[in-house]
């Protein structure tokens, strides 16, 4: 009678243990039952191009290599493997530089950060802060499209280290005169990117506008120069200097055109009937002084002086226009 109750209690005490084991197995499956995690693969990245030593391409090449290594970490377990991958992309002068480091077992080959820092020291001399500043100060839009100008400006501004106010002033100065004048209504406090966006939009709107054609005859006629301005008798007289110049060069005293005298000028208005003479009366002293100024002094009526051909023509025209005989001197 004693065994019955004891056996019954033993079987009842074993049940909770089995239940606990079963619960634990359900909560923590075995390794065989767990799904195998997929293999870790890097992000898809294109292989960087080769670098031959051009200073302008130095930083862009380094950026591509750093991105490839960062997105493919499983392929580069050590620092030296990163350096070896970097060297495999070099060519020309850059490869010759890396070969000298490899042959001399340089310590920079064992640390990727030291290697890239030395790489920048050698090949990025032409793209330092001083050169960037010089390029920004001399940058002008000229005849280029404003999108190309703004792209070049943004590229230089990103590595210049200048503040936004200075960059906006430099951008404004480099704009074409037409765009610069139209953008004068905007204040510099609006921000660089907003200012660049407004200038691009304004340039596109101006390019879409048709050119303005002025109809013929709307522009006021330009006043002719003083040396060809007609002499209006009675209201305006030629200066002594202009008069002598026209006489010496064989030009009309009224209209200033060559080939005829004032007496035969077709542009000269018809004289009134009360005027008895068509010439200009001057004194004998004025005639002598004028002849002397045009190198015709010494001329007399009875014999020909020894004069150059141009002087003879001027003397003839002078006599025709004044219609008075030259007195003896």
Protein backbone atom coordinates (compact mmCIF):
# COMPACT_ATOMS: atom_id res chain seq x y z
CA UNK A 1 0.00 0.00 0.00
CA UNK A 2 2.99 2.23 0.51
CA UNK A 3 4.35 1.75 -3.00
CA UNK A 4 1.18 2.84 -4.63
CA UNK A 5 1.10 6.35 -3.31
CA UNK A 6 4.85 6.85 -3.70
CA UNK A 7 4.84 5.74 -7.35
CA UNK A 8 1.91 7.94 -8.03
CA UNK A 9 3.67 10.98 -6.55
CA UNK A 10 6.90 10.26 -8.51
CA UNK A 11 5.15 10.16 -11.83
CA UNK A 12 3.32 13.37 -11.06
CA UNK A 13 6.60 15.16 -10.08
CA UNK A 14 8.30 14.17 -13.39
CA UNK A 15 5.66 15.77 -15.56
CA UNK A 16 6.60 19.42 -14.80
CA UNK A 17 10.24 18.78 -15.70
CA UNK A 18 9.35 17.37 -19.08
CA UNK A 19 7.05 20.27 -19.69
CA UNK A 20 9.83 22.73 -18.86
CA UNK A 21 12.28 21.00 -21.22
CA UNK A 22 9.74 21.02 -23.98
CA UNK A 23 9.08 24.69 -23.44
CA UNK A 24 12.78 25.52 -23.59
CA UNK A 25 13.25 23.53 -26.79
CA UNK A 26 10.40 25.38 -28.38
CA UNK A 27 11.76 28.77 -27.33
CA UNK A 28 15.37 28.07 -28.42
CA UNK A 29 15.50 25.92 -31.54
CA UNK A 30 18.67 24.02 -32.29
CA UNK A 31 21.33 25.26 -34.66
CA UNK A 32 20.21 22.76 -37.27
CA UNK A 33 16.72 24.17 -37.23
CA UNK A 34 17.85 27.81 -37.52
CA UNK A 35 17.92 29.33 -41.03
CA UNK A 36 21.41 30.04 -42.37
CA UNK A 37 21.98 33.83 -42.76
CA UNK A 38 22.86 34.95 -46.28
CA UNK A 39 26.48 35.77 -47.06
CA UNK A 40 27.40 39.39 -46.52
CA UNK A 41 28.03 41.12 -49.83
CA UNK A 42 29.06 44.73 -50.44
CA UNK A 43 27.08 47.34 -52.27
CA UNK A 44 27.38 47.24 -56.07
CA UNK A 45 30.15 49.68 -57.03
CA UNK A 46 31.86 50.33 -60.36
CA UNK A 47 35.61 49.85 -60.42
CA UNK A 48 37.41 53.23 -60.32
CA UNK A 49 39.26 54.36 -63.42
CA UNK A 50 43.01 54.63 -63.67
CA UNK A 51 45.00 57.67 -62.58
CA UNK A 52 48.03 58.82 -64.57
CA UNK A 53 49.15 61.78 -62.47
CA UNK A 54 46.95 64.69 -63.58
CA UNK A 55 46.63 67.07 -60.63
CA UNK A 56 43.11 68.17 -61.58
CA UNK A 57 41.86 64.55 -61.31
CA UNK A 58 43.70 63.68 -58.09
CA UNK A 59 40.97 64.29 -55.51
CA UNK A 60 38.20 62.84 -57.66
CA UNK A 61 40.19 59.61 -58.14
CA UNK A 62 40.87 59.36 -54.41
CA UNK A 63 37.18 59.79 -53.66
CA UNK A 64 36.22 56.94 -55.99
CA UNK A 65 38.81 54.58 -54.48
CA UNK A 66 37.74 55.41 -50.91
CA UNK A 67 34.08 54.78 -51.76
CA UNK A 68 34.90 51.44 -53.40
CA UNK A 69 36.91 50.26 -50.39
CA UNK A 70 34.24 51.44 -47.96
CA UNK A 71 31.43 49.67 -49.82
CA UNK A 72 33.46 46.45 -50.29
CA UNK A 73 35.08 45.93 -46.85
CA UNK A 74 35.17 42.11 -47.12
CA UNK A 75 37.59 42.36 -50.04
CA UNK A 76 40.22 44.30 -48.11
CA UNK A 77 41.04 42.54 -44.84
CA UNK A 78 44.30 44.45 -44.24
CA UNK A 79 45.79 47.89 -44.74
CA UNK A 80 48.34 46.59 -47.19
CA UNK A 81 45.61 45.06 -49.36
CA UNK A 82 43.99 48.49 -49.64
CA UNK A 83 47.32 50.03 -50.68
CA UNK A 84 47.89 47.26 -53.22
CA UNK A 85 44.44 47.84 -54.73
CA UNK A 86 45.14 51.58 -54.90
CA UNK A 87 48.47 51.00 -56.72
CA UNK A 88 46.81 48.64 -59.21
CA UNK A 89 44.76 51.59 -60.49
CA UNK A 90 47.78 53.84 -61.18
CA UNK A 91 49.48 54.40 -64.53
CA UNK A 92 52.11 56.62 -66.10
CA UNK A 93 53.86 59.01 -63.73
CA UNK A 94 51.70 57.96 -60.80
CA UNK A 95 52.69 54.30 -61.26
CA UNK A 96 56.37 55.24 -61.45
CA UNK A 97 55.99 57.09 -58.14
CA UNK A 98 54.31 54.10 -56.48
CA UNK A 99 56.97 51.74 -57.86
CA UNK A 100 59.70 53.79 -56.20
CA UNK A 101 57.89 53.45 -52.86
CA UNK A 102 57.42 49.72 -53.34
CA UNK A 103 61.05 49.10 -54.28
CA UNK A 104 62.29 51.04 -51.29
CA UNK A 105 59.83 49.28 -48.91
CA UNK A 106 58.50 52.60 -47.70
CA UNK A 107 56.64 52.53 -44.36
CA UNK A 108 53.65 54.35 -45.91
CA UNK A 109 52.77 51.11 -47.75
CA UNK A 110 51.69 49.55 -44.48
CA UNK A 111 49.05 52.15 -43.61
CA UNK A 112 46.41 53.22 -46.11
CA UNK A 113 45.85 56.60 -44.43
CA UNK A 114 49.55 57.48 -44.59
CA UNK A 115 49.76 56.32 -48.20
CA UNK A 116 46.80 58.46 -49.35
CA UNK A 117 48.11 61.49 -47.42
CA UNK A 118 51.46 61.17 -49.19
CA UNK A 119 49.60 60.70 -52.48
CA UNK A 120 47.84 64.05 -52.00
CA UNK A 121 51.11 65.79 -51.13
CA UNK A 122 52.63 64.65 -54.42
CA UNK A 123 49.78 65.02 -56.91
CA UNK A 124 47.39 67.67 -55.56
CA UNK A 125 49.75 70.65 -55.60
CA UNK A 126 47.83 72.30 -58.46
CA UNK A 127 44.49 72.17 -56.67
CA UNK A 128 45.35 73.76 -53.33
CA UNK A 129 43.57 76.61 -51.58
CA UNK A 130 45.66 79.34 -53.23
CA UNK A 131 44.96 78.10 -56.75
CA UNK A 132 41.26 77.69 -56.00
CA UNK A 133 41.11 81.27 -54.74
CA UNK A 134 42.86 82.56 -57.84
CA UNK A 135 40.47 80.66 -60.08
CA UNK A 136 37.44 82.00 -58.21
CA UNK A 137 38.64 85.59 -58.45
CA UNK A 138 39.26 85.31 -62.20
CA UNK A 139 36.15 83.28 -63.03
CA UNK A 140 33.85 85.04 -65.52
CA UNK A 141 30.75 83.88 -67.35
CA UNK A 142 31.62 85.62 -70.61
CA UNK A 143 29.77 84.01 -73.53
CA UNK A 144 29.26 80.71 -71.68
CA UNK A 145 25.86 79.43 -70.62
CA UNK A 146 24.99 80.38 -67.06
CA UNK A 147 24.52 76.74 -66.06
CA UNK A 148 28.10 75.97 -67.07
CA UNK A 149 29.30 79.06 -65.19
CA UNK A 150 27.38 78.16 -62.03
CA UNK A 151 28.64 74.55 -62.16
CA UNK A 152 32.25 75.71 -62.40
CA UNK A 153 31.65 78.21 -59.60
CA UNK A 154 30.08 75.61 -57.29
CA UNK A 155 32.97 73.21 -57.90
CA UNK A 156 35.56 75.80 -56.89
CA UNK A 157 33.50 77.21 -54.03
CA UNK A 158 33.12 73.79 -52.37
CA UNK A 159 36.88 73.54 -51.78
CA UNK A 160 37.67 77.23 -51.24
CA UNK A 161 36.78 77.48 -47.54
CA UNK A 162 35.28 80.97 -48.05
CA UNK A 163 32.10 82.09 -46.33
CA UNK A 164 28.81 82.44 -48.17
CA UNK A 165 28.82 86.23 -48.30
CA UNK A 166 32.20 86.36 -50.03
CA UNK A 167 31.23 83.62 -52.47
CA UNK A 168 28.00 85.42 -53.40
CA UNK A 169 29.90 88.62 -54.16
CA UNK A 170 32.37 86.71 -56.34
CA UNK A 171 29.51 84.99 -58.18
CA UNK A 172 27.76 88.30 -58.84
CA UNK A 173 30.92 89.92 -60.21
CA UNK A 174 31.50 87.05 -62.64
CA UNK A 175 28.04 87.23 -64.23
CA UNK A 176 27.58 88.62 -67.74
CA UNK A 177 26.71 92.35 -67.83
CA UNK A 178 23.11 91.67 -68.88
CA UNK A 179 22.42 89.19 -66.07
CA UNK A 180 24.38 91.24 -63.54
CA UNK A 181 22.27 94.31 -64.27
CA UNK A 182 19.02 92.35 -63.98
CA UNK A 183 20.14 90.73 -60.69
CA UNK A 184 20.97 94.10 -59.11
CA UNK A 185 17.50 94.19 -57.53
CA UNK A 186 18.31 91.24 -55.26
CA UNK A 187 20.12 91.70 -51.96
CA UNK A 188 23.14 89.61 -50.99
CA UNK A 189 21.42 88.48 -47.79
CA UNK A 190 19.12 86.12 -49.66
CA UNK A 191 21.67 83.27 -49.67
CA UNK A 192 24.09 81.90 -52.21
CA UNK A 193 22.06 78.96 -53.52
CA UNK A 194 18.89 81.02 -53.80
CA UNK A 195 20.79 83.75 -55.62
CA UNK A 196 22.31 81.25 -58.07
CA UNK A 197 18.89 79.70 -58.68
CA UNK A 198 17.32 83.09 -59.42
CA UNK A 199 20.13 84.01 -61.81
CA UNK A 200 19.69 80.75 -63.74
CA UNK A 201 15.93 81.24 -63.95
CA UNK A 202 16.33 84.86 -65.06
CA UNK A 203 18.83 83.87 -67.75
CA UNK A 204 16.48 81.22 -69.10
CA UNK A 205 13.58 83.68 -69.25
CA UNK A 206 15.70 86.26 -71.04
CA UNK A 207 16.83 83.64 -73.55
CA UNK A 208 13.20 82.76 -74.26
CA UNK A 209 12.27 86.39 -75.01
CA UNK A 210 12.41 87.37 -78.70
CA UNK A 211 14.92 90.11 -79.59
CA UNK A 212 13.59 93.65 -79.85
CA UNK A 213 13.80 95.13 -83.35
CA UNK A 214 13.54 98.91 -83.66
CA UNK A 215 11.58 99.99 -86.73
CA UNK A 216 13.45 102.11 -89.21
CA UNK A 217 13.12 105.83 -88.73
CA UNK A 218 12.36 105.68 -85.01
CA UNK A 219 15.89 106.57 -83.94
CA UNK A 220 16.77 110.24 -83.99
CA UNK A 221 19.23 111.22 -86.66
CA UNK A 222 22.71 111.66 -85.35
CA UNK A 223 24.29 115.07 -85.62
CA UNK A 224 27.16 115.08 -88.11
CA UNK A 225 30.62 115.83 -86.88
CA UNK A 226 31.81 119.38 -86.68
CA UNK A 227 34.24 118.93 -89.56
CA UNK A 228 31.43 118.01 -91.98
CA UNK A 229 28.70 120.27 -90.61
CA UNK A 230 27.42 122.74 -93.21
CA UNK A 231 28.16 126.39 -92.62
CA UNK A 232 24.92 128.30 -92.41
CA UNK A 233 25.70 131.81 -93.59
CA UNK A 234 24.14 134.54 -91.54
CA UNK A 235 23.62 132.31 -88.45
CA UNK A 236 26.90 130.48 -87.97
CA UNK A 237 30.45 130.93 -89.14
CA UNK A 238 33.29 128.45 -89.41
CA UNK A 239 36.17 128.84 -87.08
CA UNK A 240 39.43 130.07 -88.55
CA UNK A 241 41.03 126.69 -87.98
CA UNK A 242 38.22 124.79 -89.72
CA UNK A 243 38.11 127.26 -92.61
CA UNK A 244 41.84 126.95 -93.25
CA UNK A 245 41.61 123.18 -93.05
CA UNK A 246 38.87 123.03 -95.67
CA UNK A 247 40.73 125.39 -97.97
CA UNK A 248 43.93 123.35 -97.70
CA UNK A 249 42.18 120.04 -98.38
CA UNK A 250 39.95 121.29 -101.18
CA UNK A 251 36.63 120.96 -99.33
CA UNK A 252 33.55 123.12 -99.69
CA UNK A 253 33.27 125.89 -97.15
CA UNK A 254 29.55 125.26 -96.73
CA UNK A 255 28.95 121.48 -96.63
CA UNK A 256 32.50 120.25 -96.08
CA UNK A 257 32.41 117.76 -98.97
CA UNK A 258 35.37 117.61 -101.39
CA UNK A 259 35.17 118.08 -105.15
CA UNK A 260 33.43 121.45 -105.40
CA UNK A 261 33.57 124.98 -104.06
CA UNK A 262 31.01 126.95 -102.12
CA UNK A 263 29.89 128.69 -105.30
CA UNK A 264 28.88 125.34 -106.82
CA UNK A 265 27.54 123.72 -103.66
CA UNK A 266 24.13 122.13 -104.27
CA UNK A 267 23.34 121.96 -100.57
CA UNK A 268 23.71 125.69 -100.13
CA UNK A 269 20.33 127.49 -100.03
CA UNK A 270 19.51 129.98 -102.77
CA UNK A 271 20.50 133.51 -101.87
CA UNK A 272 17.83 136.21 -101.67
CA UNK A 273 17.41 138.65 -104.51
CA UNK A 274 18.64 141.61 -102.54
CA UNK A 275 22.08 140.04 -102.22
CA UNK A 276 24.24 141.25 -105.10
CA UNK A 277 27.18 138.96 -104.55
CA UNK A 278 27.37 135.25 -103.89
CA UNK A 279 30.80 135.36 -102.36
CA UNK A 280 32.01 136.32 -98.93
CA UNK A 281 33.55 139.77 -98.77
CA UNK A 282 36.69 139.99 -96.70
CA UNK A 283 39.39 142.58 -96.27
CA UNK A 284 42.76 142.52 -98.00
CA UNK A 285 44.46 141.92 -94.64
CA UNK A 286 42.36 138.78 -94.10
CA UNK A 287 43.29 137.53 -97.58
CA UNK A 288 47.01 138.00 -96.96
CA UNK A 289 46.83 136.37 -93.54
CA UNK A 290 44.84 133.42 -94.90
CA UNK A 291 47.24 132.93 -97.79
CA UNK A 292 50.12 132.88 -95.35
CA UNK A 293 48.40 130.32 -93.12
CA UNK A 294 47.80 127.91 -96.02
CA UNK A 295 51.37 128.39 -97.29
CA UNK A 296 50.31 130.56 -100.26
CA UNK A 297 52.07 133.73 -99.18
CA UNK A 298 54.15 135.44 -101.82
CA UNK A 299 51.57 134.91 -104.54
CA UNK A 300 51.06 137.74 -107.02
CA UNK A 301 48.79 138.20 -110.02
CA UNK A 302 51.40 138.63 -112.78
CA UNK A 303 53.49 135.52 -112.24
CA UNK A 304 53.00 132.03 -110.84
CA UNK A 305 54.70 131.26 -107.55
CA UNK A 306 56.72 128.12 -106.94
CA UNK A 307 54.08 126.05 -105.12
CA UNK A 308 53.20 122.41 -104.67
CA UNK A 309 50.30 120.97 -106.64
CA UNK A 310 48.06 120.78 -103.57
CA UNK A 311 48.81 124.42 -102.84
CA UNK A 312 47.94 125.40 -106.41
CA UNK A 313 44.58 123.71 -106.11
CA UNK A 314 43.93 125.40 -102.80
CA UNK A 315 44.93 128.77 -104.25
CA UNK A 316 42.59 128.30 -107.20
CA UNK A 317 39.69 127.37 -104.96
CA UNK A 318 40.45 130.24 -102.62
CA UNK A 319 40.36 132.71 -105.52
CA UNK A 320 37.13 131.26 -106.88
CA UNK A 321 35.34 131.37 -103.56
CA UNK A 322 36.43 134.82 -102.44
CA UNK A 323 36.14 136.35 -105.91
CA UNK A 324 38.64 139.02 -105.13
CA UNK A 325 42.08 139.39 -106.68
CA UNK A 326 45.01 138.75 -104.44
CA UNK A 327 46.88 141.95 -103.72
CA UNK A 328 50.57 142.20 -104.19
CA UNK A 329 52.62 141.33 -101.15
